[in-house]
PDB file of all heavy atoms in Angstrom:
ATOM      1  N   SER A   1     -33.381  49.210  51.059  1.00  0.00           N
ATOM      2  CA  SER A   1     -34.664  49.535  51.669  1.00  0.00           C
ATOM      3  C   SER A   1     -34.551  49.576  53.179  1.00  0.00           C
ATOM      4  O   SER A   1     -33.645  48.990  53.775  1.00  0.00           O
ATOM      5  CB  SER A   1     -35.727  48.505  51.261  1.00  0.00           C
ATOM      6  OG  SER A   1     -35.883  48.436  49.862  1.00  0.00           O
ATOM      7  N   LEU A   2     -35.510  50.248  53.786  1.00  0.00           N
ATOM      8  CA  LEU A   2     -35.545  50.377  55.236  1.00  0.00           C
ATOM      9  C   LEU A   2     -36.982  50.635  55.668  1.00  0.00           C
ATOM     10  O   LEU A   2     -37.725  51.327  54.968  1.00  0.00           O
ATOM     11  CB  LEU A   2     -34.640  51.521  55.688  1.00  0.00           C
ATOM     12  CG  LEU A   2     -34.211  51.574  57.156  1.00  0.00           C
ATOM     13  CD1 LEU A   2     -33.346  50.363  57.504  1.00  0.00           C
ATOM     14  CD2 LEU A   2     -33.444  52.858  57.432  1.00  0.00           C
ATOM     15  N   ARG A   3     -37.349  50.063  56.792  1.00  0.00           N
ATOM     16  CA  ARG A   3     -38.670  50.313  57.366  1.00  0.00           C
ATOM     17  C   ARG A   3     -38.534  51.087  58.664  1.00  0.00           C
ATOM     18  O   ARG A   3     -37.827  50.661  59.580  1.00  0.00           O
ATOM     19  CB  ARG A   3     -39.422  49.006  57.629  1.00  0.00           C
ATOM     20  CG  ARG A   3     -40.620  49.166  58.583  1.00  0.00           C
ATOM     21  CD  ARG A   3     -41.481  47.932  58.696  1.00  0.00           C
ATOM     22  NE  ARG A   3     -42.497  47.912  57.656  1.00  0.00           N
ATOM     23  CZ  ARG A   3     -43.563  47.118  57.673  1.00  0.00           C
ATOM     24  NH1 ARG A   3     -43.737  46.258  58.664  1.00  0.00           N
ATOM     25  NH2 ARG A   3     -44.440  47.165  56.685  1.00  0.00           N
ATOM     26  N   LEU A   4     -39.221  52.199  58.733  1.00  0.00           N
ATOM     27  CA  LEU A   4     -39.318  52.973  59.948  1.00  0.00           C
ATOM     28  C   LEU A   4     -40.660  52.697  60.616  1.00  0.00           C
ATOM     29  O   LEU A   4     -41.673  52.519  59.942  1.00  0.00           O
ATOM     30  CB  LEU A   4     -39.181  54.468  59.671  1.00  0.00           C
ATOM     31  CG  LEU A   4     -37.902  54.924  58.966  1.00  0.00           C
ATOM     32  CD1 LEU A   4     -37.896  56.436  58.837  1.00  0.00           C
ATOM     33  CD2 LEU A   4     -36.667  54.428  59.700  1.00  0.00           C
ATOM     34  N   THR A   5     -40.648  52.676  61.931  1.00  0.00           N
ATOM     35  CA  THR A   5     -41.845  52.400  62.705  1.00  0.00           C
ATOM     36  C   THR A   5     -42.132  53.564  63.637  1.00  0.00           C
ATOM     37  O   THR A   5     -41.224  54.071  64.298  1.00  0.00           O
ATOM     38  CB  THR A   5     -41.687  51.107  63.523  1.00  0.00           C
ATOM     39  OG1 THR A   5     -41.471  50.007  62.642  1.00  0.00           O
ATOM     40  CG2 THR A   5     -42.942  50.839  64.352  1.00  0.00           C
ATOM     41  N   CYS A   6     -43.373  53.975  63.659  1.00  0.00           N
ATOM     42  CA  CYS A   6     -43.845  54.975  64.609  1.00  0.00           C
ATOM     43  C   CYS A   6     -44.829  54.287  65.533  1.00  0.00           C
ATOM     44  O   CYS A   6     -45.951  53.966  65.127  1.00  0.00           O
ATOM     45  CB  CYS A   6     -44.501  56.150  63.885  1.00  0.00           C
ATOM     46  SG  CYS A   6     -45.222  57.397  64.985  1.00  0.00           S
ATOM     47  N   THR A   7     -44.406  54.037  66.752  1.00  0.00           N
ATOM     48  CA  THR A   7     -45.249  53.401  67.750  1.00  0.00           C
ATOM     49  C   THR A   7     -45.968  54.478  68.549  1.00  0.00           C
ATOM     50  O   THR A   7     -45.328  55.365  69.112  1.00  0.00           O
ATOM     51  CB  THR A   7     -44.421  52.511  68.685  1.00  0.00           C
ATOM     52  OG1 THR A   7     -43.735  51.523  67.921  1.00  0.00           O
ATOM     53  CG2 THR A   7     -45.319  51.812  69.701  1.00  0.00           C
ATOM     54  N   THR A   8     -47.285  54.395  68.583  1.00  0.00           N
ATOM     55  CA  THR A   8     -48.082  55.416  69.254  1.00  0.00           C
ATOM     56  C   THR A   8     -48.659  54.871  70.553  1.00  0.00           C
ATOM     57  O   THR A   8     -48.904  53.676  70.697  1.00  0.00           O
ATOM     58  CB  THR A   8     -49.219  55.925  68.363  1.00  0.00           C
ATOM     59  OG1 THR A   8     -50.275  54.960  68.314  1.00  0.00           O
ATOM     60  CG2 THR A   8     -48.719  56.200  66.953  1.00  0.00           C
ATOM     61  N   THR A   9     -48.889  55.775  71.470  1.00  0.00           N
ATOM     62  CA  THR A   9     -49.507  55.452  72.744  1.00  0.00           C
ATOM     63  C   THR A   9     -50.577  56.490  73.028  1.00  0.00           C
ATOM     64  O   THR A   9     -50.308  57.692  72.961  1.00  0.00           O
ATOM     65  CB  THR A   9     -48.487  55.437  73.887  1.00  0.00           C
ATOM     66  OG1 THR A   9     -47.464  54.478  73.613  1.00  0.00           O
ATOM     67  CG2 THR A   9     -49.155  55.073  75.209  1.00  0.00           C
ATOM     68  N   GLY A  10     -51.778  56.036  73.319  1.00  0.00           N
ATOM     69  CA  GLY A  10     -52.847  56.930  73.705  1.00  0.00           C
ATOM     70  C   GLY A  10     -53.626  57.549  72.566  1.00  0.00           C
ATOM     71  O   GLY A  10     -54.530  58.354  72.825  1.00  0.00           O
ATOM     72  N   PHE A  11     -53.320  57.188  71.333  1.00  0.00           N
ATOM     73  CA  PHE A  11     -53.994  57.764  70.175  1.00  0.00           C
ATOM     74  C   PHE A  11     -55.056  56.820  69.635  1.00  0.00           C
ATOM     75  O   PHE A  11     -54.851  55.607  69.585  1.00  0.00           O
ATOM     76  CB  PHE A  11     -53.008  58.071  69.048  1.00  0.00           C
ATOM     77  CG  PHE A  11     -52.058  59.191  69.328  1.00  0.00           C
ATOM     78  CD1 PHE A  11     -50.818  58.934  69.878  1.00  0.00           C
ATOM     79  CD2 PHE A  11     -52.401  60.498  69.029  1.00  0.00           C
ATOM     80  CE1 PHE A  11     -49.934  59.958  70.136  1.00  0.00           C
ATOM     81  CE2 PHE A  11     -51.524  61.536  69.282  1.00  0.00           C
ATOM     82  CZ  PHE A  11     -50.289  61.267  69.841  1.00  0.00           C
ATOM     83  N   ILE A  12     -56.158  57.385  69.222  1.00  0.00           N
ATOM     84  CA  ILE A  12     -57.089  56.698  68.333  1.00  0.00           C
ATOM     85  C   ILE A  12     -56.702  57.145  66.930  1.00  0.00           C
ATOM     86  O   ILE A  12     -56.986  58.267  66.522  1.00  0.00           O
ATOM     87  CB  ILE A  12     -58.549  57.036  68.647  1.00  0.00           C
ATOM     88  CG1 ILE A  12     -58.888  56.636  70.089  1.00  0.00           C
ATOM     89  CG2 ILE A  12     -59.486  56.347  67.672  1.00  0.00           C
ATOM     90  CD1 ILE A  12     -60.273  57.039  70.530  1.00  0.00           C
ATOM     91  N   LEU A  13     -56.037  56.269  66.208  1.00  0.00           N
ATOM     92  CA  LEU A  13     -55.414  56.677  64.955  1.00  0.00           C
ATOM     93  C   LEU A  13     -56.420  57.143  63.918  1.00  0.00           C
ATOM     94  O   LEU A  13     -56.067  57.937  63.047  1.00  0.00           O
ATOM     95  CB  LEU A  13     -54.550  55.542  64.400  1.00  0.00           C
ATOM     96  CG  LEU A  13     -53.298  55.213  65.210  1.00  0.00           C
ATOM     97  CD1 LEU A  13     -52.482  54.123  64.513  1.00  0.00           C
ATOM     98  CD2 LEU A  13     -52.445  56.451  65.419  1.00  0.00           C
ATOM     99  N   ASN A  14     -57.649  56.660  64.002  1.00  0.00           N
ATOM    100  CA  ASN A  14     -58.663  57.101  63.057  1.00  0.00           C
ATOM    101  C   ASN A  14     -58.967  58.593  63.180  1.00  0.00           C
ATOM    102  O   ASN A  14     -59.552  59.175  62.268  1.00  0.00           O
ATOM    103  CB  ASN A  14     -59.961  56.313  63.236  1.00  0.00           C
ATOM    104  CG  ASN A  14     -59.869  54.905  62.686  1.00  0.00           C
ATOM    105  OD1 ASN A  14     -58.881  54.525  62.063  1.00  0.00           O
ATOM    106  ND2 ASN A  14     -60.910  54.124  62.911  1.00  0.00           N
ATOM    107  N   ASP A  15     -58.578  59.189  64.291  1.00  0.00           N
ATOM    108  CA  ASP A  15     -58.850  60.603  64.524  1.00  0.00           C
ATOM    109  C   ASP A  15     -57.703  61.517  64.123  1.00  0.00           C
ATOM    110  O   ASP A  15     -57.842  62.742  64.235  1.00  0.00           O
ATOM    111  CB  ASP A  15     -59.166  60.845  66.001  1.00  0.00           C
ATOM    112  CG  ASP A  15     -60.454  60.174  66.440  1.00  0.00           C
ATOM    113  OD1 ASP A  15     -61.307  59.894  65.583  1.00  0.00           O
ATOM    114  OD2 ASP A  15     -60.607  59.936  67.653  1.00  0.00           O
ATOM    115  N   TYR A  16     -56.597  60.966  63.670  1.00  0.00           N
ATOM    116  CA  TYR A  16     -55.389  61.753  63.472  1.00  0.00           C
ATOM    117  C   TYR A  16     -54.816  61.609  62.078  1.00  0.00           C
ATOM    118  O   TYR A  16     -54.985  60.587  61.406  1.00  0.00           O
ATOM    119  CB  TYR A  16     -54.314  61.345  64.492  1.00  0.00           C
ATOM    120  CG  TYR A  16     -54.619  61.808  65.892  1.00  0.00           C
ATOM    121  CD1 TYR A  16     -55.419  61.049  66.729  1.00  0.00           C
ATOM    122  CD2 TYR A  16     -54.120  63.013  66.364  1.00  0.00           C
ATOM    123  CE1 TYR A  16     -55.719  61.473  68.006  1.00  0.00           C
ATOM    124  CE2 TYR A  16     -54.410  63.442  67.646  1.00  0.00           C
ATOM    125  CZ  TYR A  16     -55.206  62.668  68.464  1.00  0.00           C
ATOM    126  OH  TYR A  16     -55.495  63.100  69.729  1.00  0.00           O
ATOM    127  N   VAL A  17     -54.138  62.662  61.657  1.00  0.00           N
ATOM    128  CA  VAL A  17     -53.229  62.605  60.527  1.00  0.00           C
ATOM    129  C   VAL A  17     -51.834  62.355  61.085  1.00  0.00           C
ATOM    130  O   VAL A  17     -51.379  63.085  61.973  1.00  0.00           O
ATOM    131  CB  VAL A  17     -53.251  63.902  59.701  1.00  0.00           C
ATOM    132  CG1 VAL A  17     -52.178  63.869  58.615  1.00  0.00           C
ATOM    133  CG2 VAL A  17     -54.625  64.113  59.086  1.00  0.00           C
ATOM    134  N   ILE A  18     -51.171  61.326  60.591  1.00  0.00           N
ATOM    135  CA  ILE A  18     -49.810  61.014  60.982  1.00  0.00           C
ATOM    136  C   ILE A  18     -48.885  61.412  59.833  1.00  0.00           C
ATOM    137  O   ILE A  18     -49.090  60.998  58.691  1.00  0.00           O
ATOM    138  CB  ILE A  18     -49.620  59.532  61.312  1.00  0.00           C
ATOM    139  CG1 ILE A  18     -50.599  59.096  62.408  1.00  0.00           C
ATOM    140  CG2 ILE A  18     -48.184  59.264  61.732  1.00  0.00           C
ATOM    141  CD1 ILE A  18     -50.380  59.786  63.740  1.00  0.00           C
ATOM    142  N   GLY A  19     -47.887  62.194  60.153  1.00  0.00           N
ATOM    143  CA  GLY A  19     -46.927  62.621  59.156  1.00  0.00           C
ATOM    144  C   GLY A  19     -45.534  62.117  59.471  1.00  0.00           C
ATOM    145  O   GLY A  19     -45.145  62.037  60.640  1.00  0.00           O
ATOM    146  N   TRP A  20     -44.810  61.756  58.425  1.00  0.00           N
ATOM    147  CA  TRP A  20     -43.385  61.477  58.533  1.00  0.00           C
ATOM    148  C   TRP A  20     -42.629  62.681  57.989  1.00  0.00           C
ATOM    149  O   TRP A  20     -42.885  63.125  56.867  1.00  0.00           O
ATOM    150  CB  TRP A  20     -42.994  60.218  57.766  1.00  0.00           C
ATOM    151  CG  TRP A  20     -43.324  58.945  58.475  1.00  0.00           C
ATOM    152  CD1 TRP A  20     -44.390  58.130  58.271  1.00  0.00           C
ATOM    153  CD2 TRP A  20     -42.540  58.328  59.507  1.00  0.00           C
ATOM    154  NE1 TRP A  20     -44.336  57.048  59.104  1.00  0.00           N
ATOM    155  CE2 TRP A  20     -43.209  57.142  59.876  1.00  0.00           C
ATOM    156  CE3 TRP A  20     -41.342  58.663  60.148  1.00  0.00           C
ATOM    157  CZ2 TRP A  20     -42.718  56.287  60.868  1.00  0.00           C
ATOM    158  CZ3 TRP A  20     -40.859  57.814  61.135  1.00  0.00           C
ATOM    159  CH2 TRP A  20     -41.552  56.645  61.478  1.00  0.00           C
ATOM    160  N   PHE A  21     -41.705  63.178  58.785  1.00  0.00           N
ATOM    161  CA  PHE A  21     -40.870  64.310  58.426  1.00  0.00           C
ATOM    162  C   PHE A  21     -39.408  63.905  58.516  1.00  0.00           C
ATOM    163  O   PHE A  21     -39.060  62.949  59.199  1.00  0.00           O
ATOM    164  CB  PHE A  21     -41.127  65.495  59.362  1.00  0.00           C
ATOM    165  CG  PHE A  21     -42.519  66.042  59.293  1.00  0.00           C
ATOM    166  CD1 PHE A  21     -43.562  65.424  59.958  1.00  0.00           C
ATOM    167  CD2 PHE A  21     -42.791  67.189  58.557  1.00  0.00           C
ATOM    168  CE1 PHE A  21     -44.845  65.927  59.897  1.00  0.00           C
ATOM    169  CE2 PHE A  21     -44.070  67.705  58.491  1.00  0.00           C
ATOM    170  CZ  PHE A  21     -45.098  67.073  59.158  1.00  0.00           C
ATOM    171  N   ARG A  22     -38.562  64.650  57.852  1.00  0.00           N
ATOM    172  CA  ARG A  22     -37.129  64.416  57.960  1.00  0.00           C
ATOM    173  C   ARG A  22     -36.399  65.750  57.957  1.00  0.00           C
ATOM    174  O   ARG A  22     -36.883  66.746  57.422  1.00  0.00           O
ATOM    175  CB  ARG A  22     -36.609  63.527  56.825  1.00  0.00           C
ATOM    176  CG  ARG A  22     -36.680  64.159  55.444  1.00  0.00           C
ATOM    177  CD  ARG A  22     -36.325  63.135  54.387  1.00  0.00           C
ATOM    178  NE  ARG A  22     -36.371  63.698  53.042  1.00  0.00           N
ATOM    179  CZ  ARG A  22     -36.301  62.971  51.930  1.00  0.00           C
ATOM    180  NH1 ARG A  22     -36.183  61.653  52.006  1.00  0.00           N
ATOM    181  NH2 ARG A  22     -36.345  63.573  50.749  1.00  0.00           N
ATOM    182  N   GLN A  23     -35.224  65.734  58.562  1.00  0.00           N
ATOM    183  CA  GLN A  23     -34.417  66.931  58.634  1.00  0.00           C
ATOM    184  C   GLN A  23     -32.951  66.564  58.465  1.00  0.00           C
ATOM    185  O   GLN A  23     -32.406  65.804  59.264  1.00  0.00           O
ATOM    186  CB  GLN A  23     -34.627  67.664  59.956  1.00  0.00           C
ATOM    187  CG  GLN A  23     -33.941  69.008  60.030  1.00  0.00           C
ATOM    188  CD  GLN A  23     -34.419  69.836  61.206  1.00  0.00           C
ATOM    189  OE1 GLN A  23     -34.981  69.317  62.159  1.00  0.00           O
ATOM    190  NE2 GLN A  23     -34.215  71.138  61.127  1.00  0.00           N
ATOM    191  N   ALA A  24     -32.354  67.090  57.419  1.00  0.00           N
ATOM    192  CA  ALA A  24     -30.929  66.916  57.179  1.00  0.00           C
ATOM    193  C   ALA A  24     -30.165  68.048  57.849  1.00  0.00           C
ATOM    194  O   ALA A  24     -30.719  69.126  58.093  1.00  0.00           O
ATOM    195  CB  ALA A  24     -30.640  66.885  55.680  1.00  0.00           C
ATOM    196  N   PRO A  25     -28.879  67.831  58.156  1.00  0.00           N
ATOM    197  CA  PRO A  25     -28.093  68.891  58.790  1.00  0.00           C
ATOM    198  C   PRO A  25     -28.101  70.176  57.975  1.00  0.00           C
ATOM    199  O   PRO A  25     -27.866  70.160  56.765  1.00  0.00           O
ATOM    200  CB  PRO A  25     -26.690  68.286  58.865  1.00  0.00           C
ATOM    201  CG  PRO A  25     -26.921  66.811  58.884  1.00  0.00           C
ATOM    202  CD  PRO A  25     -28.109  66.595  57.996  1.00  0.00           C
ATOM    203  N   GLY A  26     -28.383  71.276  58.643  1.00  0.00           N
ATOM    204  CA  GLY A  26     -28.393  72.565  57.991  1.00  0.00           C
ATOM    205  C   GLY A  26     -29.602  72.852  57.131  1.00  0.00           C
ATOM    206  O   GLY A  26     -29.647  73.899  56.476  1.00  0.00           O
ATOM    207  N   LYS A  27     -30.570  71.959  57.112  1.00  0.00           N
ATOM    208  CA  LYS A  27     -31.758  72.143  56.301  1.00  0.00           C
ATOM    209  C   LYS A  27     -33.003  72.187  57.177  1.00  0.00           C
ATOM    210  O   LYS A  27     -32.992  71.746  58.320  1.00  0.00           O
ATOM    211  CB  LYS A  27     -31.892  71.023  55.269  1.00  0.00           C
ATOM    212  CG  LYS A  27     -30.763  70.966  54.255  1.00  0.00           C
ATOM    213  CD  LYS A  27     -30.999  69.878  53.227  1.00  0.00           C
ATOM    214  CE  LYS A  27     -29.890  69.836  52.199  1.00  0.00           C
ATOM    215  NZ  LYS A  27     -30.129  68.768  51.189  1.00  0.00           N
ATOM    216  N   GLU A  28     -34.053  72.733  56.610  1.00  0.00           N
ATOM    217  CA  GLU A  28     -35.318  72.793  57.316  1.00  0.00           C
ATOM    218  C   GLU A  28     -35.991  71.433  57.333  1.00  0.00           C
ATOM    219  O   GLU A  28     -35.789  70.604  56.442  1.00  0.00           O
ATOM    220  CB  GLU A  28     -36.242  73.819  56.662  1.00  0.00           C
ATOM    221  CG  GLU A  28     -35.736  75.250  56.731  1.00  0.00           C
ATOM    222  CD  GLU A  28     -36.708  76.232  56.134  1.00  0.00           C
ATOM    223  OE1 GLU A  28     -37.724  75.788  55.559  1.00  0.00           O
ATOM    224  OE2 GLU A  28     -36.469  77.451  56.243  1.00  0.00           O
ATOM    225  N   ARG A  29     -36.778  71.216  58.356  1.00  0.00           N
ATOM    226  CA  ARG A  29     -37.551  69.998  58.441  1.00  0.00           C
ATOM    227  C   ARG A  29     -38.624  69.992  57.352  1.00  0.00           C
ATOM    228  O   ARG A  29     -39.308  70.987  57.126  1.00  0.00           O
ATOM    229  CB  ARG A  29     -38.194  69.885  59.820  1.00  0.00           C
ATOM    230  CG  ARG A  29     -38.841  68.546  60.107  1.00  0.00           C
ATOM    231  CD  ARG A  29     -39.234  68.435  61.576  1.00  0.00           C
ATOM    232  NE  ARG A  29     -38.074  68.594  62.449  1.00  0.00           N
ATOM    233  CZ  ARG A  29     -38.113  68.476  63.768  1.00  0.00           C
ATOM    234  NH1 ARG A  29     -39.256  68.190  64.376  1.00  0.00           N
ATOM    235  NH2 ARG A  29     -37.011  68.651  64.486  1.00  0.00           N
ATOM    236  N   GLU A  30     -38.750  68.865  56.674  1.00  0.00           N
ATOM    237  CA  GLU A  30     -39.704  68.753  55.592  1.00  0.00           C
ATOM    238  C   GLU A  30     -40.575  67.517  55.764  1.00  0.00           C
ATOM    239  O   GLU A  30     -40.114  66.473  56.219  1.00  0.00           O
ATOM    240  CB  GLU A  30     -38.994  68.688  54.232  1.00  0.00           C
ATOM    241  CG  GLU A  30     -38.113  67.469  54.054  1.00  0.00           C
ATOM    242  CD  GLU A  30     -37.596  67.305  52.635  1.00  0.00           C
ATOM    243  OE1 GLU A  30     -38.123  67.967  51.717  1.00  0.00           O
ATOM    244  OE2 GLU A  30     -36.654  66.507  52.437  1.00  0.00           O
ATOM    245  N   GLY A  31     -41.820  67.642  55.383  1.00  0.00           N
ATOM    246  CA  GLY A  31     -42.705  66.501  55.371  1.00  0.00           C
ATOM    247  C   GLY A  31     -42.439  65.628  54.157  1.00  0.00           C
ATOM    248  O   GLY A  31     -42.146  66.134  53.068  1.00  0.00           O
ATOM    249  N   VAL A  32     -42.518  64.329  54.327  1.00  0.00           N
ATOM    250  CA  VAL A  32     -42.282  63.407  53.229  1.00  0.00           C
ATOM    251  C   VAL A  32     -43.490  62.533  52.922  1.00  0.00           C
ATOM    252  O   VAL A  32     -43.709  62.177  51.757  1.00  0.00           O
ATOM    253  CB  VAL A  32     -41.037  62.527  53.477  1.00  0.00           C
ATOM    254  CG1 VAL A  32     -39.785  63.384  53.554  1.00  0.00           C
ATOM    255  CG2 VAL A  32     -41.188  61.711  54.751  1.00  0.00           C
ATOM    256  N   SER A  33     -44.261  62.176  53.935  1.00  0.00           N
ATOM    257  CA  SER A  33     -45.404  61.307  53.718  1.00  0.00           C
ATOM    258  C   SER A  33     -46.414  61.501  54.833  1.00  0.00           C
ATOM    259  O   SER A  33     -46.031  61.752  55.980  1.00  0.00           O
ATOM    260  CB  SER A  33     -44.964  59.842  53.647  1.00  0.00           C
ATOM    261  OG  SER A  33     -46.062  58.994  53.342  1.00  0.00           O
ATOM    262  N   PHE A  34     -47.684  61.341  54.496  1.00  0.00           N
ATOM    263  CA  PHE A  34     -48.756  61.592  55.450  1.00  0.00           C
ATOM    264  C   PHE A  34     -49.850  60.545  55.277  1.00  0.00           C
ATOM    265  O   PHE A  34     -50.127  60.088  54.164  1.00  0.00           O
ATOM    266  CB  PHE A  34     -49.348  62.989  55.250  1.00  0.00           C
ATOM    267  CG  PHE A  34     -48.330  64.077  55.222  1.00  0.00           C
ATOM    268  CD1 PHE A  34     -47.706  64.430  54.036  1.00  0.00           C
ATOM    269  CD2 PHE A  34     -47.972  64.738  56.381  1.00  0.00           C
ATOM    270  CE1 PHE A  34     -46.753  65.429  53.999  1.00  0.00           C
ATOM    271  CE2 PHE A  34     -47.020  65.737  56.370  1.00  0.00           C
ATOM    272  CZ  PHE A  34     -46.406  66.079  55.174  1.00  0.00           C
TER     273      PHE A  34
END
């Protein structure tokens, strides 16, 4: 297991959709979780 952290500055998080994306070498960036 692993935990990734997205630290935000200047955002009111209630107003935003936050997405986690990943990109492997030679592949397109894909969304994984929102």
